[in-house]
């Protein structure tokens, strides 16, 4: 996979070089990662085993939780291990694999969030046709298309990354491999590649966010015809979705829609969508959703 490069490995700078802070990073992010796996595992198993959570909304939530666990696993373990390691190196091939995986699951999350918003749009704006439009076959096809789209996106990212020649510095000022910090190390003019990154990752984030905002505006407008109880229930569900969307898309747009410039705050911002969103999504969807909470109590209390 190495092309025109004399660099066989990179050094990940991490979140900090302060030994005391590194110990704190290890402890805090280990707890975050374990909580992420536990929370998303509970949602995946609950939806899979519960007969009351068979609607399309929970079908998509199942894949959102699965994707969150995978995205966190792509990033968090190396961040945790590197925090207490003296040698923070990652091979070229491992770095490219991380680029592919992070963009694959990140893009998949975007597609799932769009599908969840579409599901809410159909449920609220076209309630009489909901079961016809959002049948299980249609939902399955949409999810498969999401996987295909994610694969195309991440393949484009790895294609661009593999074309970067590295012939000198190999210290990545980040806690995981991504195209933006890699562009700084390349010994070539990266203007065109950066434009391609912005037109790929940046466009996906921005366009998807705009589509989601438009869908929520339409949903809110349609709620004027609902009863007070109907509006309350619909707003509760949509509010959960919107919180997740802002937590994920805000940092992504900040990182991927600007020229080839990196800031010290980039690493902190990236924590929100690589670690924060997968951690908070289970809490947001369970604490604000009585059906999920009741299904969890029924399933897991019976187990105990």
Protein backbone atom coordinates (compact mmCIF):
# COMPACT_ATOMS: atom_id res chain seq x y z
CA UNK A 1 0.00 0.00 0.00
CA UNK A 2 3.02 2.29 0.47
CA UNK A 3 3.42 4.50 -2.59
CA UNK A 4 6.42 6.81 -3.20
CA UNK A 5 7.09 6.91 0.52
CA UNK A 6 10.16 6.41 2.71
CA UNK A 7 8.05 6.45 5.88
CA UNK A 8 6.94 3.04 7.12
CA UNK A 9 5.41 4.16 10.40
CA UNK A 10 4.01 7.24 12.08
CA UNK A 11 4.14 8.58 15.62
CA UNK A 12 0.79 9.67 17.05
CA UNK A 13 1.24 12.77 19.19
CA UNK A 14 -1.96 12.05 21.14
CA UNK A 15 -4.13 14.46 23.07
CA UNK A 16 -1.27 15.59 25.32
CA UNK A 17 2.40 14.97 26.08
CA UNK A 18 2.09 15.80 29.79
CA UNK A 19 2.67 12.52 31.75
CA UNK A 20 0.10 13.43 34.41
CA UNK A 21 -2.52 14.36 31.85
CA UNK A 22 -1.76 11.17 29.93
CA UNK A 23 -2.68 9.10 32.99
CA UNK A 24 -5.92 11.08 33.25
CA UNK A 25 -6.59 10.51 29.55
CA UNK A 26 -6.06 6.77 30.07
CA UNK A 27 -8.48 6.55 33.01
CA UNK A 28 -11.18 8.84 31.64
CA UNK A 29 -11.27 7.49 28.11
CA UNK A 30 -11.10 3.88 29.28
CA UNK A 31 -14.27 4.51 31.29
CA UNK A 32 -15.84 6.33 28.33
CA UNK A 33 -15.03 3.44 25.98
CA UNK A 34 -16.34 0.75 28.32
CA UNK A 35 -19.51 2.79 28.92
CA UNK A 36 -19.93 3.22 25.15
CA UNK A 37 -19.66 -0.51 24.54
CA UNK A 38 -22.01 -1.34 27.42
CA UNK A 39 -24.65 1.25 26.45
CA UNK A 40 -24.72 0.35 22.79
CA UNK A 41 -24.59 -3.38 23.56
CA UNK A 42 -27.66 -3.03 25.79
CA UNK A 43 -29.58 -1.21 23.06
CA UNK A 44 -28.58 -3.70 20.34
CA UNK A 45 -29.53 -6.74 22.44
CA UNK A 46 -32.73 -5.12 23.76
CA UNK A 47 -33.99 -4.24 20.27
CA UNK A 48 -33.00 -7.65 18.92
CA UNK A 49 -34.78 -9.55 21.70
CA UNK A 50 -37.77 -7.30 22.44
CA UNK A 51 -41.06 -7.87 20.61
CA UNK A 52 -42.29 -4.36 21.43
CA UNK A 53 -39.45 -2.61 19.58
CA UNK A 54 -40.17 -3.82 16.06
CA UNK A 55 -40.94 -0.49 14.39
CA UNK A 56 -38.62 0.99 11.73
CA UNK A 57 -37.39 3.63 14.19
CA UNK A 58 -35.89 0.93 16.42
CA UNK A 59 -34.67 -1.01 13.39
CA UNK A 60 -32.54 2.02 12.50
CA UNK A 61 -31.61 2.63 16.15
CA UNK A 62 -30.20 -0.91 16.22
CA UNK A 63 -27.83 -0.05 13.38
CA UNK A 64 -26.98 3.33 14.91
CA UNK A 65 -25.89 1.66 18.16
CA UNK A 66 -23.94 -1.01 16.28
CA UNK A 67 -22.20 1.68 14.21
CA UNK A 68 -21.44 3.75 17.32
CA UNK A 69 -19.74 0.77 18.96
CA UNK A 70 -17.68 0.10 15.83
CA UNK A 71 -16.70 3.77 15.38
CA UNK A 72 -15.59 4.03 18.99
CA UNK A 73 -13.62 0.76 18.70
CA UNK A 74 -11.83 2.13 15.64
CA UNK A 75 -10.52 5.15 17.59
CA UNK A 76 -10.63 4.70 21.37
CA UNK A 77 -8.44 1.61 22.04
CA UNK A 78 -5.34 3.12 20.42
CA UNK A 79 -5.93 6.46 22.19
CA UNK A 80 -6.17 4.60 25.52
CA UNK A 81 -3.12 2.39 24.95
CA UNK A 82 -0.96 5.24 23.60
CA UNK A 83 -1.74 7.31 26.71
CA UNK A 84 0.38 4.93 28.81
CA UNK A 85 2.84 3.76 26.14
CA UNK A 86 6.34 5.06 25.67
CA UNK A 87 6.32 4.13 21.98
CA UNK A 88 3.29 5.67 20.25
CA UNK A 89 3.91 4.36 16.75
CA UNK A 90 1.47 3.10 14.15
CA UNK A 91 2.54 1.39 10.95
CA UNK A 92 1.67 2.85 7.57
CA UNK A 93 -0.78 0.04 6.78
CA UNK A 94 -2.43 0.29 10.22
CA UNK A 95 -2.78 4.03 9.71
CA UNK A 96 -4.47 3.56 6.35
CA UNK A 97 -6.75 0.92 7.88
CA UNK A 98 -7.76 3.37 10.60
CA UNK A 99 -8.48 6.07 8.01
CA UNK A 100 -10.72 3.65 6.11
CA UNK A 101 -12.52 2.34 9.21
CA UNK A 102 -13.11 5.74 10.80
CA UNK A 103 -14.60 7.16 7.59
CA UNK A 104 -16.57 3.98 6.89
CA UNK A 105 -18.36 3.93 10.24
CA UNK A 106 -18.57 7.73 10.43
CA UNK A 107 -20.28 7.86 7.04
CA UNK A 108 -22.53 4.95 8.02
CA UNK A 109 -23.64 6.92 11.07
CA UNK A 110 -24.56 9.85 8.84
CA UNK A 111 -26.67 7.62 6.60
CA UNK A 112 -28.43 6.04 9.60
CA UNK A 113 -29.23 9.46 11.08
CA UNK A 114 -30.73 10.51 7.73
CA UNK A 115 -32.80 7.31 7.61
CA UNK A 116 -34.05 7.93 11.16
CA UNK A 117 -35.08 11.47 10.22
CA UNK A 118 -36.83 10.15 7.09
CA UNK A 119 -38.65 7.61 9.24
CA UNK A 120 -39.90 10.37 11.58
CA UNK A 121 -40.91 12.49 8.56
CA UNK A 122 -43.04 9.68 7.12
CA UNK A 123 -44.51 8.79 10.54
CA UNK A 124 -45.57 12.38 11.27
CA UNK A 125 -46.32 13.80 7.82
CA UNK A 126 -47.78 10.69 6.16
CA UNK A 127 -49.13 8.58 9.06
CA UNK A 128 -51.75 6.71 6.99
CA UNK A 129 -49.12 5.44 4.55
CA UNK A 130 -46.39 4.86 7.14
CA UNK A 131 -46.59 1.07 7.33
CA UNK A 132 -46.72 0.82 3.54
CA UNK A 133 -43.76 3.11 2.88
CA UNK A 134 -41.56 2.00 5.78
CA UNK A 135 -42.01 -1.75 5.53
CA UNK A 136 -39.19 -4.08 6.60
CA UNK A 137 -38.03 -4.75 3.04
CA UNK A 138 -37.67 -1.04 2.27
CA UNK A 139 -35.84 -0.44 5.57
CA UNK A 140 -33.42 -3.29 4.86
CA UNK A 141 -32.70 -1.99 1.35
CA UNK A 142 -32.05 1.51 2.73
CA UNK A 143 -29.62 0.15 5.31
CA UNK A 144 -27.78 -1.88 2.65
CA UNK A 145 -27.51 1.23 0.47
CA UNK A 146 -26.04 2.99 3.50
CA UNK A 147 -23.35 0.31 3.81
CA UNK A 148 -22.56 0.60 0.09
CA UNK A 149 -22.40 4.40 0.24
CA UNK A 150 -20.10 4.24 3.27
CA UNK A 151 -17.80 1.83 1.48
CA UNK A 152 -17.60 4.11 -1.57
CA UNK A 153 -16.84 7.15 0.61
CA UNK A 154 -14.14 5.44 2.69
CA UNK A 155 -12.60 3.88 -0.42
CA UNK A 156 -12.28 7.37 -1.91
CA UNK A 157 -10.57 8.56 1.29
CA UNK A 158 -8.09 5.69 1.29
CA UNK A 159 -7.40 6.26 -2.41
CA UNK A 160 -6.45 9.88 -1.67
CA UNK A 161 -4.41 8.93 1.41
CA UNK A 162 -2.48 6.25 -0.48
CA UNK A 163 -1.43 8.84 -3.07
CA UNK A 164 0.36 10.98 -0.46
CA UNK A 165 4.17 10.60 -0.49
CA UNK A 166 5.89 10.80 2.93
CA UNK A 167 9.62 11.39 2.84
CA UNK A 168 10.48 13.20 6.06
CA UNK A 169 8.51 14.07 9.20
CA UNK A 170 6.32 11.27 10.56
CA UNK A 171 4.80 12.78 13.72
CA UNK A 172 1.02 13.08 13.41
CA UNK A 173 -0.29 15.84 15.66
CA UNK A 174 -3.45 13.92 16.49
CA UNK A 175 -4.65 10.88 18.41
CA UNK A 176 -5.72 8.92 15.32
CA UNK A 177 -4.90 8.78 11.62
CA UNK A 178 -7.00 11.05 9.44
CA UNK A 179 -6.47 12.80 6.14
CA UNK A 180 -6.19 16.36 7.47
CA UNK A 181 -3.15 15.75 9.72
CA UNK A 182 -1.62 13.42 7.12
CA UNK A 183 -1.79 16.20 4.52
CA UNK A 184 0.56 18.28 6.68
CA UNK A 185 3.24 15.54 6.51
CA UNK A 186 3.07 14.89 2.77
CA UNK A 187 6.07 16.11 0.75
CA UNK A 188 3.99 17.46 -2.13
CA UNK A 189 1.53 20.21 -2.93
CA UNK A 190 -1.70 18.98 -1.30
CA UNK A 191 -3.99 21.77 -2.53
CA UNK A 192 -5.87 19.59 -5.03
CA UNK A 193 -6.16 16.64 -2.63
CA UNK A 194 -7.47 18.92 0.09
CA UNK A 195 -10.12 20.23 -2.31
CA UNK A 196 -11.12 16.62 -3.01
CA UNK A 197 -11.32 15.91 0.73
CA UNK A 198 -13.53 18.95 1.27
CA UNK A 199 -15.71 18.04 -1.71
CA UNK A 200 -16.05 14.50 -0.37
CA UNK A 201 -16.16 14.48 3.43
CA UNK A 202 -17.06 18.15 3.77
CA UNK A 203 -19.87 17.97 1.23
CA UNK A 204 -21.33 14.81 2.79
CA UNK A 205 -21.38 16.41 6.26
CA UNK A 206 -22.78 19.77 5.13
CA UNK A 207 -25.38 18.48 2.66
CA UNK A 208 -26.56 15.80 5.09
CA UNK A 209 -26.88 18.34 7.89
CA UNK A 210 -28.90 20.69 5.68
CA UNK A 211 -31.19 17.81 4.62
CA UNK A 212 -31.74 16.90 8.26
CA UNK A 213 -32.50 20.50 9.23
CA UNK A 214 -35.03 20.81 6.38
CA UNK A 215 -36.70 17.55 7.43
CA UNK A 216 -37.06 18.77 11.03
CA UNK A 217 -38.50 22.10 9.87
CA UNK A 218 -41.10 20.22 7.79
CA UNK A 219 -41.88 17.94 10.73
CA UNK A 220 -42.32 20.87 13.12
CA UNK A 221 -44.58 22.61 10.60
CA UNK A 222 -46.70 19.47 10.24
CA UNK A 223 -47.16 19.16 14.01
CA UNK A 224 -49.48 22.17 14.05
CA UNK A 225 -52.34 19.83 13.11
CA UNK A 226 -51.65 17.40 15.96
CA UNK A 227 -53.21 17.34 19.41
CA UNK A 228 -51.23 18.58 22.40
CA UNK A 229 -50.38 15.01 23.44
CA UNK A 230 -49.41 14.07 19.89
CA UNK A 231 -47.15 17.10 19.59
CA UNK A 232 -45.50 16.33 22.92
CA UNK A 233 -44.71 12.74 21.96
CA UNK A 234 -43.45 13.68 18.48
CA UNK A 235 -41.34 16.55 19.82
CA UNK A 236 -39.80 14.27 22.44
CA UNK A 237 -38.65 11.81 19.78
CA UNK A 238 -37.46 14.49 17.35
CA UNK A 239 -35.62 16.37 20.09
CA UNK A 240 -33.57 13.26 20.84
CA UNK A 241 -32.71 12.89 17.17
CA UNK A 242 -31.80 16.56 16.83
CA UNK A 243 -29.45 16.49 19.85
CA UNK A 244 -27.61 13.54 18.32
CA UNK A 245 -27.41 15.29 14.94
CA UNK A 246 -25.92 18.48 16.42
CA UNK A 247 -23.39 16.55 18.55
CA UNK A 248 -22.16 14.63 15.52
CA UNK A 249 -22.42 17.06 12.61
CA UNK A 250 -21.21 20.22 14.36
CA UNK A 251 -17.64 18.95 14.91
CA UNK A 252 -17.57 17.11 11.56
CA UNK A 253 -18.44 20.24 9.62
CA UNK A 254 -15.83 22.22 11.58
CA UNK A 255 -13.10 19.69 10.73
CA UNK A 256 -13.86 18.72 7.12
CA UNK A 257 -15.23 21.84 5.42
CA UNK A 258 -12.27 24.19 5.61
CA UNK A 259 -8.94 24.56 3.74
CA UNK A 260 -5.84 22.52 4.59
CA UNK A 261 -5.35 24.15 7.96
CA UNK A 262 -5.15 22.49 11.35
CA UNK A 263 -5.71 24.10 14.73
CA UNK A 264 -4.75 22.92 18.24
CA UNK A 265 -8.45 22.70 19.08
CA UNK A 266 -9.04 20.16 16.29
CA UNK A 267 -8.17 17.23 18.54
CA UNK A 268 -10.63 18.35 21.20
CA UNK A 269 -13.34 18.93 18.61
CA UNK A 270 -12.72 15.48 17.10
CA UNK A 271 -13.32 13.91 20.52
CA UNK A 272 -16.98 14.98 20.27
CA UNK A 273 -17.79 12.93 17.17
CA UNK A 274 -15.34 10.04 17.64
CA UNK A 275 -15.81 9.45 21.39
CA UNK A 276 -18.57 11.75 22.66
CA UNK A 277 -21.36 10.96 20.20
CA UNK A 278 -21.06 7.15 20.48
CA UNK A 279 -21.05 7.51 24.28
CA UNK A 280 -24.01 9.88 24.54
CA UNK A 281 -26.29 8.35 21.91
CA UNK A 282 -27.41 5.41 24.13
CA UNK A 283 -28.11 7.81 27.01
CA UNK A 284 -30.08 10.20 24.81
CA UNK A 285 -32.21 7.47 23.25
CA UNK A 286 -32.90 5.62 26.50
CA UNK A 287 -33.43 8.48 28.94
CA UNK A 288 -35.86 10.23 26.59
CA UNK A 289 -37.62 7.11 25.31
CA UNK A 290 -40.08 5.34 27.61
CA UNK A 291 -40.51 2.39 25.21
CA UNK A 292 -36.79 1.58 25.22
CA UNK A 293 -36.55 1.97 28.99
CA UNK A 294 -39.55 -0.29 29.58
CA UNK A 295 -38.24 -2.90 27.13
CA UNK A 296 -34.85 -2.86 28.87
CA UNK A 297 -36.42 -3.27 32.30
CA UNK A 298 -38.62 -6.11 31.11
CA UNK A 299 -35.81 -7.94 29.31
CA UNK A 300 -32.95 -7.50 31.74
CA UNK A 301 -34.95 -7.78 34.96
CA UNK A 302 -36.31 -11.12 33.76
CA UNK A 303 -32.76 -12.20 32.98
CA UNK A 304 -31.69 -11.38 36.52
